[in-house]
Amino acid sequence: MSNPDDILYNSNAYRNIKKYKIFLTAVRIYYGNYSELIKSFKIHGKVDLAELLDSKDGNKRLYSKHLKISRYLHNYVASITTLIQATSVYYKENFEPENLISDYNSKINTEVNNQPVKYFIKDLRNYIQHKEIPDIMTTTAYESSPSLKFNTYVKYQVKDLLNYKKWSKLSKKYIQEHARSLNIIEAVEEFHNIFFSFTSWFINQVEICLENDRKEVEKLKIKMNTEKFRTLTKIYFEFGDQNISGFERTFLPRFRKGERLYILREKKARDRAARIIKMFKKYLEIGSDFEKKVLNLYS
């Protein structure tokens, strides 16, 4: 006897949706690391450097803040590499063979791959992984106003970065566009805006490609549930627990979330039984004998 679950889980439509969800995991990890990094930048931006250094253990506290930012930055650039690879593999395995999303290569080459900041962020991971975590420089800039507003920036020294000899041509070009120091948050935001635009476009294209698969999965879920209900309704009153609690433990998890809520909102036993029967009939003809047994159980 075949397993009703195979109806859904062995289908191409389900596999396609599952692959998409795996890809979206890489997207969510990237955005999580990006959000943490930006949050750390914003917190650091409110630090008055002079005041911090004048305080007790000021240098240690500043080093601790730099270390935290470096950790978030390391996680961020690592997740970029993961997402870039995941996007490329996902496209090549699932869409390129059938020439789906035909604009993919031209769009990524035009909007992403020719941007120097993309190579700088990508190569920064190699720098961190194979050379060192770059020393962070913190500077505080005050506005010339009575309020003495200030902002604190996190930067890399250009000369320190250029000591590394394995920057790609475009990475080196990006670094050299900055005179003495490179504002890290500006580089991160510049890359994020570029990649966010492309990734949003790609996800939208994937959603269009998967429209029929989603419809097919919904049909297969109904078919799978129908087979499960058909089997359980035949054997429940012969082998199952002959009480409401046992009946609901057996059948309610098989219904969809909205269907379960519709049933559980009814507190009167007889009326709840009527709702259960109504939901059963969405999937199959249950027969008058089974219907009577359900009503009697809830009486």
C-alpha atoms as a PDB file:
ATOM      1  CA  MET A   1       0.000   0.000   0.000  1.00  0.00           C
ATOM      2  CA  SER A   2       1.481   3.358  -1.030  1.00  0.00           C
ATOM      3  CA  ASN A   3       1.967   6.119   1.525  1.00  0.00           C
ATOM      4  CA  PRO A   4      -0.441   9.058   0.976  1.00  0.00           C
ATOM      5  CA  ASP A   5       2.445  11.439   1.750  1.00  0.00           C
ATOM      6  CA  ASP A   6       4.186  10.268  -1.432  1.00  0.00           C
ATOM      7  CA  ILE A   7       1.476  11.971  -3.483  1.00  0.00           C
ATOM      8  CA  LEU A   8       2.882  15.336  -2.405  1.00  0.00           C
ATOM      9  CA  TYR A   9       6.487  14.757  -1.404  1.00  0.00           C
ATOM     10  CA  ASN A  10       7.496  12.846  -4.553  1.00  0.00           C
ATOM     11  CA  SER A  11       6.093  15.479  -6.901  1.00  0.00           C
ATOM     12  CA  ASN A  12       8.271  17.837  -8.948  1.00  0.00           C
ATOM     13  CA  ALA A  13       6.128  20.780  -7.861  1.00  0.00           C
ATOM     14  CA  TYR A  14       6.842  20.119  -4.170  1.00  0.00           C
ATOM     15  CA  ARG A  15      10.568  19.676  -4.867  1.00  0.00           C
ATOM     16  CA  ASN A  16      10.643  22.980  -6.724  1.00  0.00           C
ATOM     17  CA  ILE A  17       9.001  24.823  -3.835  1.00  0.00           C
ATOM     18  CA  LYS A  18      11.349  23.130  -1.353  1.00  0.00           C
ATOM     19  CA  LYS A  19      14.432  24.230  -3.338  1.00  0.00           C
ATOM     20  CA  TYR A  20      13.083  27.771  -3.347  1.00  0.00           C
ATOM     21  CA  LYS A  21      12.658  27.722   0.436  1.00  0.00           C
ATOM     22  CA  ILE A  22      16.249  26.516   0.829  1.00  0.00           C
ATOM     23  CA  PHE A  23      17.435  29.413  -1.343  1.00  0.00           C
ATOM     24  CA  LEU A  24      15.379  31.872   0.717  1.00  0.00           C
ATOM     25  CA  THR A  25      17.200  30.641   3.836  1.00  0.00           C
ATOM     26  CA  ALA A  26      20.443  32.054   2.412  1.00  0.00           C
ATOM     27  CA  VAL A  27      18.624  35.320   1.651  1.00  0.00           C
ATOM     28  CA  ARG A  28      17.286  35.575   5.229  1.00  0.00           C
ATOM     29  CA  ILE A  29      20.714  34.825   6.726  1.00  0.00           C
ATOM     30  CA  TYR A  30      22.209  37.617   4.626  1.00  0.00           C
ATOM     31  CA  TYR A  31      19.551  40.141   5.688  1.00  0.00           C
ATOM     32  CA  GLY A  32      19.888  39.101   9.325  1.00  0.00           C
ATOM     33  CA  ASN A  33      23.645  39.698   9.267  1.00  0.00           C
ATOM     34  CA  TYR A  34      23.182  42.954   7.370  1.00  0.00           C
ATOM     35  CA  SER A  35      20.670  44.225   9.947  1.00  0.00           C
ATOM     36  CA  GLU A  36      22.942  43.335  12.872  1.00  0.00           C
ATOM     37  CA  LEU A  37      25.895  45.089  11.245  1.00  0.00           C
ATOM     38  CA  ILE A  38      23.947  48.273  10.463  1.00  0.00           C
ATOM     39  CA  LYS A  39      22.551  48.320  13.999  1.00  0.00           C
ATOM     40  CA  SER A  40      26.086  48.094  15.405  1.00  0.00           C
ATOM     41  CA  PHE A  41      27.186  50.967  13.153  1.00  0.00           C
ATOM     42  CA  LYS A  42      24.304  53.141  14.332  1.00  0.00           C
ATOM     43  CA  ILE A  43      25.053  52.441  17.995  1.00  0.00           C
ATOM     44  CA  HIS A  44      28.720  53.222  17.432  1.00  0.00           C
ATOM     45  CA  GLY A  45      27.777  56.403  15.590  1.00  0.00           C
ATOM     46  CA  LYS A  46      26.396  57.825  18.849  1.00  0.00           C
ATOM     47  CA  VAL A  47      29.671  57.300  20.720  1.00  0.00           C
ATOM     48  CA  ASP A  48      31.603  60.481  21.579  1.00  0.00           C
ATOM     49  CA  LEU A  49      35.154  59.279  20.975  1.00  0.00           C
ATOM     50  CA  ALA A  50      36.840  61.968  23.094  1.00  0.00           C
ATOM     51  CA  GLU A  51      34.505  61.313  26.002  1.00  0.00           C
ATOM     52  CA  LEU A  52      34.970  57.561  25.703  1.00  0.00           C
ATOM     53  CA  LEU A  53      38.772  57.771  25.679  1.00  0.00           C
ATOM     54  CA  ASP A  54      38.754  60.104  28.701  1.00  0.00           C
ATOM     55  CA  SER A  55      36.700  57.612  30.689  1.00  0.00           C
ATOM     56  CA  LYS A  56      38.061  54.787  32.815  1.00  0.00           C
ATOM     57  CA  ASP A  57      39.388  51.926  30.639  1.00  0.00           C
ATOM     58  CA  GLY A  58      38.402  53.981  27.598  1.00  0.00           C
ATOM     59  CA  ASN A  59      40.865  52.268  25.254  1.00  0.00           C
ATOM     60  CA  LYS A  60      39.691  48.814  26.334  1.00  0.00           C
ATOM     61  CA  ARG A  61      36.067  49.805  25.851  1.00  0.00           C
ATOM     62  CA  LEU A  62      36.824  51.189  22.384  1.00  0.00           C
ATOM     63  CA  TYR A  63      38.666  47.985  21.463  1.00  0.00           C
ATOM     64  CA  SER A  64      35.662  45.970  22.669  1.00  0.00           C
ATOM     65  CA  LYS A  65      33.362  48.018  20.430  1.00  0.00           C
ATOM     66  CA  HIS A  66      35.707  47.558  17.462  1.00  0.00           C
ATOM     67  CA  LEU A  67      35.829  43.819  18.084  1.00  0.00           C
ATOM     68  CA  LYS A  68      32.044  43.572  18.091  1.00  0.00           C
ATOM     69  CA  ILE A  69      31.791  45.488  14.812  1.00  0.00           C
ATOM     70  CA  SER A  70      34.509  43.299  13.278  1.00  0.00           C
ATOM     71  CA  ARG A  71      32.557  40.189  14.300  1.00  0.00           C
ATOM     72  CA  TYR A  72      29.364  41.470  12.697  1.00  0.00           C
ATOM     73  CA  LEU A  73      31.299  42.516   9.600  1.00  0.00           C
ATOM     74  CA  HIS A  74      32.909  39.076   9.329  1.00  0.00           C
ATOM     75  CA  ASN A  75      29.493  37.395   9.526  1.00  0.00           C
ATOM     76  CA  TYR A  76      28.105  39.825   6.955  1.00  0.00           C
ATOM     77  CA  VAL A  77      30.783  39.361   4.285  1.00  0.00           C
ATOM     78  CA  ALA A  78      30.658  35.570   4.808  1.00  0.00           C
ATOM     79  CA  SER A  79      26.898  35.568   4.238  1.00  0.00           C
ATOM     80  CA  ILE A  80      27.390  37.597   1.045  1.00  0.00           C
ATOM     81  CA  THR A  81      29.606  34.878  -0.409  1.00  0.00           C
ATOM     82  CA  THR A  82      27.072  32.236   0.612  1.00  0.00           C
ATOM     83  CA  LEU A  83      24.194  34.162  -0.975  1.00  0.00           C
ATOM     84  CA  ILE A  84      26.068  34.905  -4.207  1.00  0.00           C
ATOM     85  CA  GLN A  85      26.955  31.216  -4.587  1.00  0.00           C
ATOM     86  CA  ALA A  86      23.463  30.064  -3.594  1.00  0.00           C
ATOM     87  CA  THR A  87      21.857  32.415  -6.124  1.00  0.00           C
ATOM     88  CA  SER A  88      24.153  31.288  -8.928  1.00  0.00           C
ATOM     89  CA  VAL A  89      23.707  27.562  -8.231  1.00  0.00           C
ATOM     90  CA  TYR A  90      19.938  27.896  -7.763  1.00  0.00           C
ATOM     91  CA  TYR A  91      19.585  29.711 -11.094  1.00  0.00           C
ATOM     92  CA  LYS A  92      21.893  27.404 -13.075  1.00  0.00           C
ATOM     93  CA  GLU A  93      20.307  24.193 -11.783  1.00  0.00           C
ATOM     94  CA  ASN A  94      16.648  25.180 -11.929  1.00  0.00           C
ATOM     95  CA  PHE A  95      16.096  27.903 -14.522  1.00  0.00           C
ATOM     96  CA  GLU A  96      18.975  28.135 -16.981  1.00  0.00           C
ATOM     97  CA  PRO A  97      18.446  24.675 -18.569  1.00  0.00           C
ATOM     98  CA  GLU A  98      14.938  25.668 -19.705  1.00  0.00           C
ATOM     99  CA  ASN A  99      15.985  29.243 -20.500  1.00  0.00           C
ATOM    100  CA  LEU A 100      13.739  30.589 -17.758  1.00  0.00           C
ATOM    101  CA  ILE A 101      14.524  34.042 -16.323  1.00  0.00           C
ATOM    102  CA  SER A 102      16.439  34.720 -19.544  1.00  0.00           C
ATOM    103  CA  ASP A 103      17.511  38.211 -18.397  1.00  0.00           C
ATOM    104  CA  TYR A 104      19.432  36.811 -15.414  1.00  0.00           C
ATOM    105  CA  ASN A 105      22.953  36.920 -16.865  1.00  0.00           C
ATOM    106  CA  SER A 106      22.637  40.294 -18.556  1.00  0.00           C
ATOM    107  CA  LYS A 107      21.087  41.846 -15.453  1.00  0.00           C
ATOM    108  CA  ILE A 108      23.628  40.506 -12.956  1.00  0.00           C
ATOM    109  CA  ASN A 109      26.523  41.440 -15.233  1.00  0.00           C
ATOM    110  CA  THR A 110      25.199  44.956 -15.816  1.00  0.00           C
ATOM    111  CA  GLU A 111      23.919  45.809 -12.341  1.00  0.00           C
ATOM    112  CA  VAL A 112      26.180  43.778 -10.028  1.00  0.00           C
ATOM    113  CA  ASN A 113      29.298  42.296 -11.577  1.00  0.00           C
ATOM    114  CA  ASN A 114      30.682  45.523 -13.032  1.00  0.00           C
ATOM    115  CA  GLN A 115      30.459  47.399  -9.724  1.00  0.00           C
ATOM    116  CA  PRO A 116      33.858  47.847  -7.971  1.00  0.00           C
ATOM    117  CA  VAL A 117      32.217  47.839  -4.534  1.00  0.00           C
ATOM    118  CA  LYS A 118      30.935  44.296  -5.183  1.00  0.00           C
ATOM    119  CA  TYR A 119      34.485  43.048  -5.640  1.00  0.00           C
ATOM    120  CA  PHE A 120      35.742  45.006  -2.645  1.00  0.00           C
ATOM    121  CA  ILE A 121      33.124  43.452  -0.337  1.00  0.00           C
ATOM    122  CA  LYS A 122      33.732  40.002  -1.853  1.00  0.00           C
ATOM    123  CA  ASP A 123      37.526  40.302  -1.531  1.00  0.00           C
ATOM    124  CA  LEU A 124      37.191  41.700   1.981  1.00  0.00           C
ATOM    125  CA  ARG A 125      36.072  38.221   3.049  1.00  0.00           C
ATOM    126  CA  ASN A 126      39.293  36.736   1.642  1.00  0.00           C
ATOM    127  CA  TYR A 127      41.298  39.483   3.353  1.00  0.00           C
ATOM    128  CA  ILE A 128      39.675  38.697   6.706  1.00  0.00           C
ATOM    129  CA  GLN A 129      39.902  34.936   6.203  1.00  0.00           C
ATOM    130  CA  HIS A 130      43.464  34.688   4.869  1.00  0.00           C
ATOM    131  CA  LYS A 131      45.295  37.755   6.180  1.00  0.00           C
ATOM    132  CA  GLU A 132      43.742  39.480   9.162  1.00  0.00           C
ATOM    133  CA  ILE A 133      40.745  41.370  10.479  1.00  0.00           C
ATOM    134  CA  PRO A 134      41.580  44.944   9.431  1.00  0.00           C
ATOM    135  CA  ASP A 135      42.197  47.473  12.187  1.00  0.00           C
ATOM    136  CA  ILE A 136      39.230  49.789  12.579  1.00  0.00           C
ATOM    137  CA  MET A 137      39.720  53.517  12.943  1.00  0.00           C
ATOM    138  CA  THR A 138      37.038  55.505  14.767  1.00  0.00           C
ATOM    139  CA  THR A 139      36.651  59.245  14.165  1.00  0.00           C
ATOM    140  CA  THR A 140      34.139  61.699  15.598  1.00  0.00           C
ATOM    141  CA  ALA A 141      33.062  64.699  13.525  1.00  0.00           C
ATOM    142  CA  TYR A 142      31.327  67.628  15.238  1.00  0.00           C
ATOM    143  CA  GLU A 143      28.949  69.984  13.487  1.00  0.00           C
ATOM    144  CA  SER A 144      29.724  73.686  13.660  1.00  0.00           C
ATOM    145  CA  SER A 145      26.577  74.608  15.533  1.00  0.00           C
ATOM    146  CA  PRO A 146      25.677  75.590  19.095  1.00  0.00           C
ATOM    147  CA  SER A 147      24.219  72.133  19.701  1.00  0.00           C
ATOM    148  CA  LEU A 148      27.606  70.501  19.032  1.00  0.00           C
ATOM    149  CA  LYS A 149      25.987  67.559  17.269  1.00  0.00           C
ATOM    150  CA  PHE A 150      28.410  64.840  16.235  1.00  0.00           C
ATOM    151  CA  ASN A 151      28.635  61.544  14.422  1.00  0.00           C
ATOM    152  CA  THR A 152      31.226  58.831  14.847  1.00  0.00           C
ATOM    153  CA  TYR A 153      32.458  56.918  11.824  1.00  0.00           C
ATOM    154  CA  VAL A 154      34.072  53.523  11.451  1.00  0.00           C
ATOM    155  CA  LYS A 155      36.806  53.476   8.831  1.00  0.00           C
ATOM    156  CA  TYR A 156      39.675  51.455   7.395  1.00  0.00           C
ATOM    157  CA  GLN A 157      42.999  53.073   6.617  1.00  0.00           C
ATOM    158  CA  VAL A 158      43.609  52.909   2.865  1.00  0.00           C
ATOM    159  CA  LYS A 159      47.355  52.314   3.245  1.00  0.00           C
ATOM    160  CA  ASP A 160      46.699  49.333   5.529  1.00  0.00           C
ATOM    161  CA  LEU A 161      44.295  47.766   3.037  1.00  0.00           C
ATOM    162  CA  LEU A 162      46.695  48.243   0.129  1.00  0.00           C
ATOM    163  CA  ASN A 163      49.386  46.281   1.949  1.00  0.00           C
ATOM    164  CA  TYR A 164      47.360  43.221   0.966  1.00  0.00           C
ATOM    165  CA  LYS A 165      48.493  42.103  -2.503  1.00  0.00           C
ATOM    166  CA  LYS A 166      45.549  39.900  -3.472  1.00  0.00           C
ATOM    167  CA  TRP A 167      42.883  42.524  -4.097  1.00  0.00           C
ATOM    168  CA  SER A 168      41.282  42.086  -7.498  1.00  0.00           C
ATOM    169  CA  LYS A 169      41.679  44.898 -10.011  1.00  0.00           C
ATOM    170  CA  LEU A 170      38.244  46.381  -9.328  1.00  0.00           C
ATOM    171  CA  SER A 171      38.631  46.013  -5.545  1.00  0.00           C
ATOM    172  CA  LYS A 172      41.904  47.914  -5.648  1.00  0.00           C
ATOM    173  CA  LYS A 173      40.294  50.560  -7.849  1.00  0.00           C
ATOM    174  CA  TYR A 174      37.520  51.003  -5.280  1.00  0.00           C
ATOM    175  CA  ILE A 175      40.002  51.345  -2.403  1.00  0.00           C
ATOM    176  CA  GLN A 176      42.157  53.841  -4.289  1.00  0.00           C
ATOM    177  CA  GLU A 177      39.134  56.060  -4.925  1.00  0.00           C
ATOM    178  CA  HIS A 178      39.382  56.954  -1.227  1.00  0.00           C
ATOM    179  CA  ALA A 179      42.202  59.254  -0.201  1.00  0.00           C
ATOM    180  CA  ARG A 180      43.215  58.189   3.304  1.00  0.00           C
ATOM    181  CA  SER A 181      40.381  56.210   4.805  1.00  0.00           C
ATOM    182  CA  LEU A 182      37.435  54.166   3.646  1.00  0.00           C
ATOM    183  CA  ASN A 183      34.100  54.577   5.455  1.00  0.00           C
ATOM    184  CA  ILE A 184      32.950  51.008   6.044  1.00  0.00           C
ATOM    185  CA  ILE A 185      29.249  51.733   6.416  1.00  0.00           C
ATOM    186  CA  GLU A 186      29.211  53.597   3.089  1.00  0.00           C
ATOM    187  CA  ALA A 187      30.756  50.578   1.341  1.00  0.00           C
ATOM    188  CA  VAL A 188      28.299  48.192   2.994  1.00  0.00           C
ATOM    189  CA  GLU A 189      25.287  50.363   2.144  1.00  0.00           C
ATOM    190  CA  GLU A 190      26.452  50.875  -1.452  1.00  0.00           C
ATOM    191  CA  PHE A 191      26.825  47.144  -2.006  1.00  0.00           C
ATOM    192  CA  HIS A 192      23.585  46.333  -0.186  1.00  0.00           C
ATOM    193  CA  ASN A 193      21.554  48.710  -2.356  1.00  0.00           C
ATOM    194  CA  ILE A 194      22.974  47.127  -5.510  1.00  0.00           C
ATOM    195  CA  PHE A 195      22.464  43.551  -4.382  1.00  0.00           C
ATOM    196  CA  PHE A 196      19.086  44.227  -2.783  1.00  0.00           C
ATOM    197  CA  SER A 197      17.803  45.546  -6.110  1.00  0.00           C
ATOM    198  CA  PHE A 198      19.030  42.489  -8.007  1.00  0.00           C
ATOM    199  CA  THR A 199      17.900  39.943  -5.401  1.00  0.00           C
ATOM    200  CA  SER A 200      14.427  41.500  -5.182  1.00  0.00           C
ATOM    201  CA  TRP A 201      14.124  41.307  -8.969  1.00  0.00           C
ATOM    202  CA  PHE A 202      15.323  37.689  -9.019  1.00  0.00           C
ATOM    203  CA  ILE A 203      12.917  36.611  -6.273  1.00  0.00           C
ATOM    204  CA  ASN A 204      10.046  38.240  -8.153  1.00  0.00           C
ATOM    205  CA  GLN A 205      11.012  36.311 -11.308  1.00  0.00           C
ATOM    206  CA  VAL A 206      11.211  33.046  -9.361  1.00  0.00           C
ATOM    207  CA  GLU A 207       7.759  33.658  -7.868  1.00  0.00           C
ATOM    208  CA  ILE A 208       6.359  34.026 -11.391  1.00  0.00           C
ATOM    209  CA  CYS A 209       8.059  30.786 -12.486  1.00  0.00           C
ATOM    210  CA  LEU A 210       6.668  28.898  -9.490  1.00  0.00           C
ATOM    211  CA  GLU A 211       3.046  30.028  -9.815  1.00  0.00           C
ATOM    212  CA  ASN A 212       1.922  26.760 -11.426  1.00  0.00           C
ATOM    213  CA  ASP A 213       3.960  24.709  -8.951  1.00  0.00           C
ATOM    214  CA  ARG A 214       2.213  26.413  -6.039  1.00  0.00           C
ATOM    215  CA  LYS A 215      -1.187  25.658  -7.560  1.00  0.00           C
ATOM    216  CA  GLU A 216      -0.138  22.061  -8.141  1.00  0.00           C
ATOM    217  CA  VAL A 217       1.087  21.691  -4.550  1.00  0.00           C
ATOM    218  CA  GLU A 218      -2.250  22.937  -3.224  1.00  0.00           C
ATOM    219  CA  LYS A 219      -4.078  20.379  -5.367  1.00  0.00           C
ATOM    220  CA  LEU A 220      -1.739  17.616  -4.212  1.00  0.00           C
ATOM    221  CA  LYS A 221      -2.212  18.580  -0.554  1.00  0.00           C
ATOM    222  CA  ILE A 222      -5.963  18.158  -0.984  1.00  0.00           C
ATOM    223  CA  LYS A 223      -5.438  14.831  -2.738  1.00  0.00           C
ATOM    224  CA  MET A 224      -3.037  13.671  -0.018  1.00  0.00           C
ATOM    225  CA  ASN A 225      -5.459  14.657   2.744  1.00  0.00           C
ATOM    226  CA  THR A 226      -8.284  12.929   0.909  1.00  0.00           C
ATOM    227  CA  GLU A 227      -6.351   9.655   0.907  1.00  0.00           C
ATOM    228  CA  LYS A 228      -5.479  10.032   4.586  1.00  0.00           C
ATOM    229  CA  PHE A 229      -9.073  10.790   5.530  1.00  0.00           C
ATOM    230  CA  ARG A 230     -10.316   7.891   3.397  1.00  0.00           C
ATOM    231  CA  THR A 231      -8.071   5.467   5.283  1.00  0.00           C
ATOM    232  CA  LEU A 232      -8.763   6.875   8.750  1.00  0.00           C
ATOM    233  CA  THR A 233     -12.529   7.081   8.351  1.00  0.00           C
ATOM    234  CA  LYS A 234     -12.593   3.399   7.430  1.00  0.00           C
ATOM    235  CA  ILE A 235     -10.713   2.206  10.490  1.00  0.00           C
ATOM    236  CA  TYR A 236     -11.211   4.801  13.242  1.00  0.00           C
ATOM    237  CA  PHE A 237     -14.400   3.542  14.835  1.00  0.00           C
ATOM    238  CA  GLU A 238     -13.013   0.008  14.728  1.00  0.00           C
ATOM    239  CA  PHE A 239      -9.578   0.699  16.241  1.00  0.00           C
ATOM    240  CA  GLY A 240      -9.464   4.307  17.447  1.00  0.00           C
ATOM    241  CA  ASP A 241     -10.118   5.847  20.879  1.00  0.00           C
ATOM    242  CA  GLN A 242     -13.875   6.055  21.228  1.00  0.00           C
ATOM    243  CA  ASN A 243     -13.992   9.546  22.736  1.00  0.00           C
ATOM    244  CA  ILE A 244     -13.954  13.146  21.545  1.00  0.00           C
ATOM    245  CA  SER A 245     -10.378  13.771  22.672  1.00  0.00           C
ATOM    246  CA  GLY A 246      -9.041  10.740  20.803  1.00  0.00           C
ATOM    247  CA  PHE A 247     -11.117  11.542  17.721  1.00  0.00           C
ATOM    248  CA  GLU A 248      -9.809  15.111  17.528  1.00  0.00           C
ATOM    249  CA  ARG A 249      -6.202  14.016  18.142  1.00  0.00           C
ATOM    250  CA  THR A 250      -6.567  11.691  15.173  1.00  0.00           C
ATOM    251  CA  PHE A 251      -8.342  13.923  12.681  1.00  0.00           C
ATOM    252  CA  LEU A 252      -7.827  17.626  13.463  1.00  0.00           C
ATOM    253  CA  PRO A 253      -4.076  17.685  12.629  1.00  0.00           C
ATOM    254  CA  ARG A 254      -5.004  16.440   9.144  1.00  0.00           C
ATOM    255  CA  PHE A 255      -7.049  19.537   8.387  1.00  0.00           C
ATOM    256  CA  ARG A 256      -5.523  22.765   7.105  1.00  0.00           C
ATOM    257  CA  LYS A 257      -4.894  25.541   9.636  1.00  0.00           C
ATOM    258  CA  GLY A 258      -7.957  27.575   8.631  1.00  0.00           C
ATOM    259  CA  GLU A 259     -10.130  24.488   8.737  1.00  0.00           C
ATOM    260  CA  ARG A 260      -8.898  23.584  12.233  1.00  0.00           C
ATOM    261  CA  LEU A 261      -9.618  27.088  13.490  1.00  0.00           C
ATOM    262  CA  TYR A 262     -13.113  26.953  11.996  1.00  0.00           C
ATOM    263  CA  ILE A 263     -13.758  23.721  13.917  1.00  0.00           C
ATOM    264  CA  LEU A 264     -12.136  24.714  17.214  1.00  0.00           C
ATOM    265  CA  ARG A 265     -13.942  28.050  17.469  1.00  0.00           C
ATOM    266  CA  GLU A 266     -17.192  26.146  17.947  1.00  0.00           C
ATOM    267  CA  LYS A 267     -17.496  25.208  21.637  1.00  0.00           C
ATOM    268  CA  LYS A 268     -20.834  23.398  21.546  1.00  0.00           C
ATOM    269  CA  ALA A 269     -20.146  19.694  21.032  1.00  0.00           C
ATOM    270  CA  ARG A 270     -22.988  18.944  18.601  1.00  0.00           C
ATOM    271  CA  ASP A 271     -22.271  22.044  16.495  1.00  0.00           C
ATOM    272  CA  ARG A 272     -18.558  21.251  16.463  1.00  0.00           C
ATOM    273  CA  ALA A 273     -19.385  17.774  15.151  1.00  0.00           C
ATOM    274  CA  ALA A 274     -21.420  19.380  12.355  1.00  0.00           C
ATOM    275  CA  ARG A 275     -18.435  21.552  11.429  1.00  0.00           C
ATOM    276  CA  ILE A 276     -16.119  18.529  11.398  1.00  0.00           C
ATOM    277  CA  ILE A 277     -18.493  16.685   9.090  1.00  0.00           C
ATOM    278  CA  LYS A 278     -18.663  19.735   6.837  1.00  0.00           C
ATOM    279  CA  MET A 279     -14.850  19.816   6.602  1.00  0.00           C
ATOM    280  CA  PHE A 280     -14.717  16.073   5.898  1.00  0.00           C
ATOM    281  CA  LYS A 281     -17.058  16.550   2.950  1.00  0.00           C
ATOM    282  CA  LYS A 282     -14.582  18.964   1.362  1.00  0.00           C
ATOM    283  CA  TYR A 283     -12.334  15.973   0.809  1.00  0.00           C
ATOM    284  CA  LEU A 284     -14.535  12.906   0.302  1.00  0.00           C
ATOM    285  CA  GLU A 285     -17.943  11.312   0.636  1.00  0.00           C
ATOM    286  CA  ILE A 286     -17.901  10.011   4.188  1.00  0.00           C
ATOM    287  CA  GLY A 287     -21.103   7.964   4.138  1.00  0.00           C
ATOM    288  CA  SER A 288     -24.105   8.213   6.432  1.00  0.00           C
ATOM    289  CA  ASP A 289     -22.836   5.533   8.830  1.00  0.00           C
ATOM    290  CA  PHE A 290     -19.618   7.420   9.647  1.00  0.00           C
ATOM    291  CA  GLU A 291     -21.553  10.687   9.914  1.00  0.00           C
ATOM    292  CA  LYS A 292     -23.956   9.174  12.451  1.00  0.00           C
ATOM    293  CA  LYS A 293     -21.073   7.796  14.522  1.00  0.00           C
ATOM    294  CA  VAL A 294     -19.452  11.226  14.658  1.00  0.00           C
ATOM    295  CA  LEU A 295     -22.674  12.894  15.738  1.00  0.00           C
ATOM    296  CA  ASN A 296     -23.257  10.199  18.387  1.00  0.00           C
ATOM    297  CA  LEU A 297     -19.691  10.650  19.683  1.00  0.00           C
ATOM    298  CA  TYR A 298     -20.315  14.370  20.233  1.00  0.00           C
ATOM    299  CA  SER A 299     -23.794  13.884  21.752  1.00  0.00           C
END
